[in-house]
Protein backbone atom coordinates (compact mmCIF):
# COMPACT_ATOMS: atom_id res chain seq x y z
CA MET A 1 101.94 123.18 96.91
CA THR A 2 103.78 120.68 94.73
CA GLN A 3 101.38 118.82 92.47
CA ASN A 4 101.25 115.05 92.66
CA PRO A 5 103.11 113.49 89.71
CA PRO A 6 100.78 112.80 86.74
CA ASN A 7 101.91 109.17 86.46
CA LEU A 8 100.54 108.55 89.97
CA ARG A 9 97.37 110.55 89.41
CA PRO A 10 94.51 108.66 87.77
CA ASP A 11 92.55 111.93 87.77
CA LEU A 12 95.23 113.60 85.66
CA ALA A 13 95.28 111.07 82.84
CA PRO A 14 96.48 112.24 79.41
CA LYS A 15 94.02 113.74 76.94
CA VAL A 16 92.69 111.17 74.49
CA ARG A 17 91.75 111.85 70.86
CA ILE A 18 90.78 109.41 68.13
CA SER A 19 90.15 109.76 64.41
CA GLU A 20 88.54 107.99 61.47
CA PRO A 21 87.78 108.73 57.78
CA ARG A 22 85.11 111.32 56.90
CA ARG A 23 82.58 111.19 54.06
CA ASP A 24 81.51 114.33 52.20
CA GLY A 25 79.23 116.50 54.31
CA GLN A 26 79.55 114.34 57.41
CA PRO A 27 79.44 116.37 60.66
CA MET A 28 82.55 115.93 62.80
CA ILE A 29 82.92 116.05 66.58
CA GLY A 30 86.16 116.25 68.54
CA MET A 31 86.57 114.69 71.97
CA VAL A 32 89.03 115.50 74.74
CA SER A 33 88.72 112.95 77.56
CA LEU A 34 90.28 113.73 80.93
CA GLY A 35 90.27 111.86 84.21
CA CYS A 36 90.00 108.28 85.38
CA PRO A 37 89.09 105.13 83.43
CA LYS A 38 85.45 105.55 84.50
CA ALA A 39 85.37 108.87 82.63
CA LEU A 40 87.05 107.20 79.66
CA VAL A 41 84.18 104.70 79.50
CA ASP A 42 81.72 107.62 79.53
CA SER A 43 83.59 109.15 76.59
CA GLU A 44 83.43 105.85 74.70
CA ARG A 45 79.67 105.64 75.22
CA ILE A 46 79.13 109.21 74.04
CA LEU A 47 81.23 108.64 70.92
CA THR A 48 79.50 105.34 70.21
CA ARG A 49 76.12 107.07 70.28
CA LEU A 50 77.36 109.92 68.08
CA ARG A 51 78.93 107.50 65.61
CA ALA A 52 75.62 105.63 65.37
CA GLU A 53 73.90 108.92 64.53
CA GLY A 54 76.22 109.60 61.61
CA TYR A 55 78.88 111.83 63.19
CA ALA A 56 82.56 111.30 62.41
CA ILE A 57 85.26 111.70 65.05
CA SER A 58 87.79 114.46 64.42
CA PRO A 59 91.48 113.94 65.27
CA ASP A 60 92.08 117.66 65.84
CA TYR A 61 90.36 120.89 66.79
CA SER A 62 90.46 122.51 63.35
CA GLY A 63 88.64 119.63 61.66
CA ALA A 64 85.81 119.47 64.18
CA ASP A 65 82.44 121.21 63.95
CA ALA A 66 82.34 121.17 67.76
CA VAL A 67 84.42 119.71 70.61
CA ILE A 68 83.28 117.80 73.70
CA VAL A 69 85.53 118.12 76.76
CA ASN A 70 84.93 115.36 79.33
CA THR A 71 86.27 116.86 82.55
CA CYS A 72 87.55 115.71 85.93
CA GLY A 73 86.62 117.50 89.15
CA PHE A 74 88.15 115.22 91.78
CA LEU A 75 90.81 117.64 93.10
CA ASP A 76 91.43 121.35 92.66
CA SER A 77 94.50 120.60 90.53
CA ALA A 78 92.36 118.36 88.30
CA LYS A 79 89.77 121.11 88.03
CA ALA A 80 92.51 123.50 86.91
CA GLU A 81 93.60 121.02 84.24
CA SER A 82 89.99 120.69 83.05
CA LEU A 83 89.60 124.46 82.83
CA ASP A 84 92.83 124.65 80.83
CA ALA A 85 91.55 121.98 78.42
CA ILE A 86 88.27 123.86 77.97
CA GLY A 87 90.17 127.08 77.32
CA GLU A 88 92.42 125.36 74.78
CA ALA A 89 89.40 123.91 72.95
CA LEU A 90 87.68 127.32 72.90
CA LYS A 91 90.79 128.97 71.51
CA GLU A 92 91.42 126.34 68.84
CA ASN A 93 87.81 125.58 67.85
CA GLY A 94 85.30 127.92 69.49
CA LYS A 95 82.37 125.51 69.83
CA VAL A 96 82.77 123.60 73.09
CA ILE A 97 80.41 121.35 75.06
CA VAL A 98 81.51 120.43 78.58
CA THR A 99 80.56 117.22 80.40
CA GLY A 100 81.94 115.01 83.17
CA CYS A 101 82.51 115.45 86.87
CA LEU A 102 83.37 119.16 86.75
CA GLY A 103 80.13 119.61 84.83
CA ALA A 104 78.37 119.21 88.17
CA GLU A 105 79.51 122.80 88.82
CA PRO A 106 78.19 124.68 85.77
CA ASP A 107 78.40 128.14 87.38
CA TYR A 108 82.06 127.56 88.24
CA ILE A 109 82.83 126.59 84.63
CA ARG A 110 80.88 129.47 83.09
CA GLU A 111 82.58 131.91 85.45
CA HIS A 112 85.88 131.01 83.79
CA HIS A 113 84.59 130.22 80.29
CA PRO A 114 81.28 132.00 79.57
CA LYS A 115 81.40 131.20 75.82
CA ILE A 116 80.92 127.43 76.14
CA LEU A 117 77.81 126.09 74.40
CA ALA A 118 76.53 123.77 77.12
CA VAL A 119 77.45 122.05 80.41
CA THR A 120 76.27 118.62 81.54
CA GLY A 121 77.21 116.53 84.55
CA PRO A 122 78.78 113.04 84.72
CA HIS A 123 77.16 110.16 82.77
CA GLN A 124 74.44 112.46 81.39
CA TYR A 125 74.69 110.98 77.93
CA GLU A 126 71.31 112.17 76.62
CA GLN A 127 71.98 115.78 77.62
CA VAL A 128 75.37 115.67 75.85
CA LEU A 129 73.72 114.35 72.70
CA ASP A 130 71.04 117.05 72.88
CA ALA A 131 73.75 119.72 73.11
CA VAL A 132 75.60 118.23 70.13
CA HIS A 133 72.39 118.05 68.07
CA LEU A 134 71.72 121.72 68.77
CA ALA A 135 75.25 122.82 67.89
CA VAL A 136 75.86 120.45 64.96
CA PRO A 137 72.72 118.78 63.56
CA PRO A 138 73.19 115.11 62.63
CA SER A 139 73.27 114.03 59.00
CA PRO A 140 73.33 110.22 58.96
CA ASP A 141 73.70 108.07 55.87
CA PRO A 142 72.16 104.68 56.68
CA PHE A 143 74.09 103.02 53.86
CA ILE A 144 77.49 104.22 55.11
CA ASP A 145 77.32 104.95 58.83
CA LEU A 146 77.42 101.45 60.23
CA LEU A 147 78.46 101.18 63.87
CA PRO A 148 81.02 98.44 64.63
CA ALA A 149 79.58 95.75 66.90
CA SER A 150 82.05 96.65 69.65
CA GLY A 151 81.30 100.39 69.53
CA VAL A 152 83.89 103.15 69.69
CA THR A 153 86.82 102.55 72.03
CA LEU A 154 89.54 104.87 73.31
CA THR A 155 91.83 102.07 74.43
CA PRO A 156 93.95 99.69 72.33
CA ARG A 157 91.97 96.82 70.76
CA HIS A 158 93.35 94.18 73.11
CA TYR A 159 92.13 95.60 76.43
CA SER A 160 89.03 97.45 77.55
CA TYR A 161 87.55 98.94 80.69
CA LEU A 162 84.29 97.38 81.85
CA LYS A 163 82.26 99.66 84.10
CA ILE A 164 79.90 97.69 86.33
CA SER A 165 78.31 100.49 88.38
CA GLU A 166 78.11 104.22 88.93
CA GLY A 167 78.22 106.24 92.12
CA CYS A 168 79.30 105.42 95.66
CA ASN A 169 77.64 105.07 99.08
CA HIS A 170 80.76 105.95 101.10
CA LYS A 171 81.05 109.31 102.82
CA CYS A 172 84.82 109.81 102.95
CA LYS A 173 85.46 113.36 104.14
CA PHE A 174 88.10 114.12 101.50
CA CYS A 175 85.97 112.99 98.54
CA ILE A 176 83.10 114.64 96.65
CA ILE A 177 82.53 111.88 94.09
CA PRO A 178 79.21 110.80 95.69
CA ASP A 179 78.04 114.41 95.35
CA MET A 180 79.03 114.47 91.67
CA ARG A 181 78.08 110.95 90.60
CA GLY A 182 75.41 110.05 93.14
CA ARG A 183 74.81 106.91 95.15
CA LEU A 184 75.65 103.41 93.99
CA GLN A 185 73.83 102.32 90.82
CA SER A 186 74.78 98.80 89.76
CA ARG A 187 74.24 97.51 86.23
CA PRO A 188 72.31 94.25 85.85
CA ALA A 189 74.69 91.30 85.85
CA HIS A 190 73.45 90.00 82.51
CA ALA A 191 74.06 93.39 80.86
CA VAL A 192 77.63 93.50 82.16
CA LEU A 193 78.33 89.96 80.99
CA ARG A 194 76.79 90.63 77.57
CA GLU A 195 79.04 93.65 77.10
CA ALA A 196 82.05 91.62 78.18
CA GLU A 197 81.18 88.84 75.72
CA LYS A 198 80.95 91.35 72.87
CA LEU A 199 84.32 92.83 73.80
CA VAL A 200 86.00 89.42 73.90
CA ASP A 201 84.38 88.48 70.57
CA ALA A 202 85.83 91.71 69.11
CA GLY A 203 89.37 90.71 70.13
CA VAL A 204 89.75 92.10 73.65
CA ARG A 205 92.21 89.95 75.62
CA GLU A 206 92.01 91.80 78.96
CA LEU A 207 88.94 93.17 80.79
CA LEU A 208 89.60 95.83 83.43
CA VAL A 209 86.64 95.92 85.81
CA ILE A 210 86.03 99.42 87.18
CA SER A 211 83.53 101.34 89.34
CA GLN A 212 83.71 103.67 92.31
CA ASP A 213 83.36 100.70 94.67
CA THR A 214 83.70 97.35 92.95
CA SER A 215 83.21 95.37 96.17
CA ALA A 216 79.75 96.89 96.65
CA TYR A 217 78.53 95.81 93.22
CA GLY A 218 74.90 94.70 93.43
CA VAL A 219 74.21 95.92 96.98
CA ASP A 220 71.76 98.59 95.76
CA ILE A 221 69.74 96.08 93.72
CA LYS A 222 69.90 93.46 96.48
CA HIS A 223 72.14 91.19 94.38
CA ALA A 224 69.32 90.62 91.90
CA ILE A 225 69.47 87.62 89.60
CA ASP A 226 69.08 88.58 85.95
CA LYS A 227 68.85 85.78 83.36
CA ASN A 228 70.62 83.36 85.74
CA HIS A 229 73.41 85.82 86.60
CA ARG A 230 73.58 87.28 90.13
CA ALA A 231 74.70 90.87 90.71
CA HIS A 232 77.44 90.11 93.22
CA ILE A 233 81.13 90.75 92.65
CA THR A 234 82.12 87.14 93.38
CA ASP A 235 79.55 85.73 90.95
CA LEU A 236 80.40 88.37 88.35
CA ALA A 237 84.11 87.64 88.63
CA ARG A 238 83.44 83.92 88.15
CA ASP A 239 81.23 84.62 85.10
CA LEU A 240 83.78 86.97 83.55
CA GLY A 241 86.56 84.48 84.21
CA SER A 242 84.77 81.94 82.03
CA LEU A 243 85.20 84.09 78.90
CA GLY A 244 88.88 83.29 78.36
CA ALA A 245 90.27 86.82 78.75
CA TRP A 246 92.40 88.25 81.53
CA VAL A 247 90.09 89.82 84.16
CA ARG A 248 91.58 92.54 86.38
CA LEU A 249 89.69 94.07 89.33
CA HIS A 250 90.11 97.74 90.23
CA TYR A 251 88.85 99.87 93.18
CA VAL A 252 88.07 96.94 95.47
CA TYR A 253 87.28 98.01 99.04
CA PRO A 254 88.50 95.48 101.64
CA TYR A 255 85.10 94.20 102.77
CA PRO A 256 85.15 90.74 104.39
CA HIS A 257 83.62 89.09 101.31
CA VAL A 258 86.67 90.10 99.25
CA ARG A 259 88.34 86.98 100.66
CA ASP A 260 85.92 84.96 98.50
CA LEU A 261 87.58 86.38 95.38
CA ILE A 262 91.03 85.05 96.27
CA PRO A 263 90.30 81.37 95.48
CA LEU A 264 89.17 82.47 92.00
CA MET A 265 92.59 84.04 91.56
CA ALA A 266 94.35 80.92 92.82
CA GLU A 267 92.35 78.88 90.30
CA GLY A 268 93.38 81.20 87.46
CA LEU A 269 89.83 82.35 86.68
CA ILE A 270 90.71 86.02 87.27
CA LEU A 271 94.09 87.72 87.55
CA PRO A 272 95.78 87.55 90.97
CA TYR A 273 95.60 91.35 91.30
CA LEU A 274 93.69 93.55 93.72
CA ASP A 275 93.56 97.34 93.50
CA ILE A 276 92.48 98.39 97.00
CA PRO A 277 92.37 102.04 98.21
CA PHE A 278 93.67 101.73 101.78
CA GLN A 279 94.42 105.53 102.00
CA HIS A 280 96.22 105.34 105.38
CA ALA A 281 97.12 102.96 108.20
CA HIS A 282 96.75 104.94 111.43
CA PRO A 283 93.29 104.41 112.96
CA ASP A 284 92.91 108.05 114.04
CA VAL A 285 93.68 109.35 110.55
CA LEU A 286 91.26 106.83 109.06
CA ARG A 287 88.57 107.95 111.50
CA ARG A 288 89.14 111.59 110.49
CA MET A 289 88.76 110.43 106.90
CA ALA A 290 85.50 108.65 107.86
CA ARG A 291 86.93 105.36 106.61
CA PRO A 292 87.18 101.91 108.26
CA ALA A 293 89.95 102.07 110.87
CA ALA A 294 91.04 98.43 111.33
CA ALA A 295 94.56 98.60 109.88
CA ALA A 296 95.80 95.69 112.02
CA LYS A 297 92.97 93.47 110.78
CA THR A 298 93.85 94.57 107.26
CA LEU A 299 97.32 93.11 107.74
CA ASP A 300 95.69 89.85 108.85
CA GLU A 301 93.52 89.88 105.72
CA ILE A 302 96.53 90.50 103.49
CA ALA A 303 98.33 87.55 105.11
CA ALA A 304 95.29 85.34 104.54
CA TRP A 305 95.03 86.42 100.87
CA ARG A 306 98.68 85.58 100.30
CA ALA A 307 98.30 82.23 102.02
CA THR A 308 95.51 81.31 99.59
CA CYS A 309 97.12 82.88 96.51
CA PRO A 310 100.88 83.42 96.96
CA ASP A 311 101.20 85.15 93.57
CA ILE A 312 98.67 87.87 94.36
CA THR A 313 99.68 91.44 93.50
CA LEU A 314 98.33 94.18 95.77
CA ARG A 315 98.07 97.76 94.52
CA SER A 316 96.88 100.66 96.67
CA THR A 317 96.82 104.42 97.01
CA PHE A 318 97.49 106.54 100.08
CA ILE A 319 97.09 110.14 101.20
CA VAL A 320 99.83 111.87 103.17
CA GLY A 321 99.49 115.23 104.87
CA TYR A 322 95.80 114.74 105.71
CA PRO A 323 94.55 117.42 108.15
CA GLY A 324 95.76 116.67 111.65
CA GLU A 325 98.28 114.01 110.55
CA THR A 326 101.11 114.00 113.10
CA GLU A 327 104.63 112.74 112.55
CA ALA A 328 103.83 109.76 114.76
CA GLU A 329 100.76 108.91 112.66
CA PHE A 330 102.79 109.19 109.48
CA GLN A 331 105.47 106.92 110.97
CA THR A 332 102.73 104.36 111.69
CA LEU A 333 101.95 104.41 107.97
CA LEU A 334 105.62 103.79 107.09
CA ASP A 335 105.80 100.94 109.61
CA TRP A 336 102.58 99.47 108.20
CA MET A 337 104.11 99.58 104.72
CA ASP A 338 107.06 97.57 106.02
CA GLU A 339 104.62 94.96 107.28
CA ALA A 340 102.23 94.96 104.31
CA GLN A 341 104.89 94.89 101.56
CA LEU A 342 102.45 96.07 98.91
CA ASP A 343 103.55 95.46 95.34
CA ARG A 344 102.26 98.62 93.63
CA VAL A 345 101.70 101.90 95.44
CA GLY A 346 100.56 105.40 94.52
CA CYS A 347 100.49 108.38 96.86
CA PHE A 348 98.66 111.71 96.92
CA GLN A 349 99.57 114.78 98.86
CA TYR A 350 96.34 115.95 100.47
CA GLU A 351 94.55 118.77 98.66
CA ASN A 352 91.45 120.68 99.67
CA VAL A 353 88.55 120.07 97.30
CA ALA A 354 85.66 122.51 97.10
CA GLY A 355 82.71 120.96 98.92
CA ALA A 356 84.71 118.31 100.81
CA ARG A 357 84.09 118.05 104.55
CA SER A 358 87.81 117.60 105.22
CA ASN A 359 88.39 121.27 104.34
CA ALA A 360 86.89 122.27 107.70
CA LEU A 361 89.09 119.97 109.78
CA PRO A 362 91.62 121.64 112.08
CA ASP A 363 95.42 121.44 111.92
CA HIS A 364 96.08 121.42 108.19
CA VAL A 365 99.59 120.19 107.41
CA PRO A 366 102.04 122.73 105.89
CA ASP A 367 102.92 122.20 102.23
CA GLU A 368 106.61 121.60 102.91
CA VAL A 369 105.74 118.87 105.44
CA LYS A 370 103.42 117.21 102.93
CA GLN A 371 106.20 117.21 100.36
CA ASP A 372 108.70 115.75 102.83
CA ARG A 373 106.31 112.98 103.83
CA TRP A 374 105.47 112.22 100.21
CA ASP A 375 109.18 111.93 99.42
CA ARG A 376 109.79 109.60 102.36
CA PHE A 377 106.74 107.48 101.60
CA MET A 378 107.66 107.06 97.92
CA GLU A 379 111.26 106.22 98.85
CA LYS A 380 109.93 103.37 101.00
CA ALA A 381 107.45 102.22 98.34
CA GLN A 382 110.14 102.31 95.66
CA ALA A 383 112.52 100.20 97.74
CA ILE A 384 109.78 97.59 98.31
CA SER A 385 108.94 97.54 94.60
CA GLU A 386 112.58 97.19 93.61
CA ALA A 387 113.11 94.24 95.96
CA LYS A 388 109.95 92.48 94.81
CA LEU A 389 110.85 92.88 91.14
CA ALA A 390 114.43 91.71 91.75
CA ALA A 391 112.99 88.47 93.16
CA LYS A 392 111.34 87.81 89.77
CA VAL A 393 114.64 87.61 87.89
CA GLY A 394 114.99 84.09 86.51
CA GLN A 395 111.25 83.36 86.64
CA THR A 396 109.25 82.54 83.53
CA ILE A 397 105.96 84.46 83.45
CA GLN A 398 103.13 85.30 81.09
CA VAL A 399 102.93 88.80 79.63
CA ILE A 400 100.52 90.63 77.33
CA VAL A 401 102.03 92.72 74.54
CA ASP A 402 100.87 96.35 74.47
CA GLU A 403 103.07 97.88 71.78
CA VAL A 404 105.75 96.85 69.28
CA ASP A 405 108.10 99.28 67.54
CA ALA A 406 111.59 99.24 66.03
CA GLU A 407 113.21 99.24 69.48
CA GLY A 408 111.35 96.35 71.04
CA ALA A 409 108.08 95.17 72.58
CA THR A 410 106.42 96.85 75.57
CA CYS A 411 104.48 94.31 77.62
CA ARG A 412 102.75 93.91 80.96
CA THR A 413 102.74 91.05 83.42
CA LYS A 414 99.65 89.91 85.31
CA ALA A 415 100.89 92.21 88.09
CA ASP A 416 100.66 95.34 85.92
CA ALA A 417 97.58 97.33 84.94
CA PRO A 418 97.87 99.62 81.91
CA GLU A 419 98.92 103.24 82.47
CA ILE A 420 99.41 102.97 86.25
CA ASP A 421 101.84 100.08 86.86
CA GLY A 422 105.14 98.97 85.38
CA ASN A 423 106.12 97.29 82.10
CA LEU A 424 108.19 94.38 80.89
CA PHE A 425 110.40 95.14 77.88
CA ILE A 426 111.63 92.67 75.27
CA ASP A 427 114.64 94.00 73.35
CA GLU A 428 115.49 90.97 71.19
CA GLY A 429 113.52 88.45 69.15
CA PHE A 430 110.34 90.54 69.32
CA GLU A 431 109.78 90.99 65.58
CA GLY A 432 106.96 88.46 65.34
CA LEU A 433 104.96 89.91 68.22
CA ALA A 434 101.80 92.02 67.91
CA PRO A 435 99.69 93.96 70.44
CA GLY A 436 97.38 91.60 72.29
CA ASP A 437 99.68 88.57 72.09
CA ILE A 438 100.06 86.69 75.38
CA VAL A 439 103.46 85.01 75.54
CA ALA A 440 105.87 83.42 78.03
CA VAL A 441 108.96 85.41 78.99
CA THR A 442 111.94 84.69 81.22
CA VAL A 443 112.81 87.73 83.36
CA GLU A 444 116.47 88.70 82.97
CA GLU A 445 116.69 92.14 84.58
CA ALA A 446 114.73 94.25 87.06
CA GLY A 447 114.58 97.96 87.87
CA GLU A 448 112.62 100.02 90.38
CA TYR A 449 109.30 99.59 88.59
CA ASP A 450 109.99 97.70 85.32
CA LEU A 451 111.31 94.35 84.10
CA TRP A 452 113.26 93.17 81.04
CA GLY A 453 113.08 89.68 79.62
CA ARG A 454 113.39 87.33 76.66
CA LEU A 455 110.86 85.15 74.89
CA VAL A 456 110.84 81.51 75.88
């Protein structure tokens, strides 16, 4: 089966490594972080704890006393990538500790790589630290090893992921994340806001709110009030919007109360951007997925959101080739796309995942049909994207600068999340810009996914 393209696969994100100076005798740990932004936050927390204990972070395998591989186990192809990363670390270093979602299957990992030192599951920070202590004892120097107030980050200084909860209460048949990460566990609202304040104080200009189900934030703790802050996504969004940074919401399920977020976007408190995993549009496919099946009502909701906030950007992901999907059901999805006119779209070809209930469904779709439907879906999504971007030519919009080099500045609009959406490029007059700057740009040219513009 043809693998889904990496740039549309949040579970196949690039490996991340960071480095910093080392003092004499300081133990060094390497980190390879795979998977989605939620896993990246886990890696940041592990490294922050290690840095506080006196460990340095190695930029390569050869300089590390041991290597942590934070794995993804969402799809079989992601598991294969994780196994490859573990094998590479073993070959290049020899001392490897495995954590993350694939760590929930220790026997599976040890079957392929019996020489690993330890395996821990997702967000098991203490067990990871115990394994590191055993393999490479800490040697802190209290006069030198001072942890920065903002901790260790694996993203550029000007944006940061803010994880508000762990786990998920949904029982989608194609997904095993609840089995790996457990049921919903929301963080107290005050703790989330305190972390956000520290990030903004440290220079972060954009907060990317993430979880498995952002809309459900606070449900498990009955929307508890903590130091005058209520654990509800609407209240949290309003609180975060008061900090002066861009606030972008990811993984928002279309519950009815999502409509209460849209006025906050219209007011400019949070970015007019919703990342909503619709997955499909045909009610029978959605039922087989064990997901809400009111696609027509979803179109009504989208229309209402746009009426309240005309500038809203809608991003979503879909699965084609789900077991039992007929040509007529797939055509319903294409027709729904014509109606919905989503701004940013990613698409997966269905894959069996060990332990998923969808594996046992009848009438699995042949690989060549999946590929054909993926091609047709992406052709439609690309055409919609191209038309929407062309309509922005001549507009003056705000952008955040991500990178500046000799060729120009790479920026993002409010409609673009890092890594997964498009960019806006400035080719002239960019010399005075720096990452994190927020500037006004007039759009001069549009492509299928990207824009080009000039500073105002």
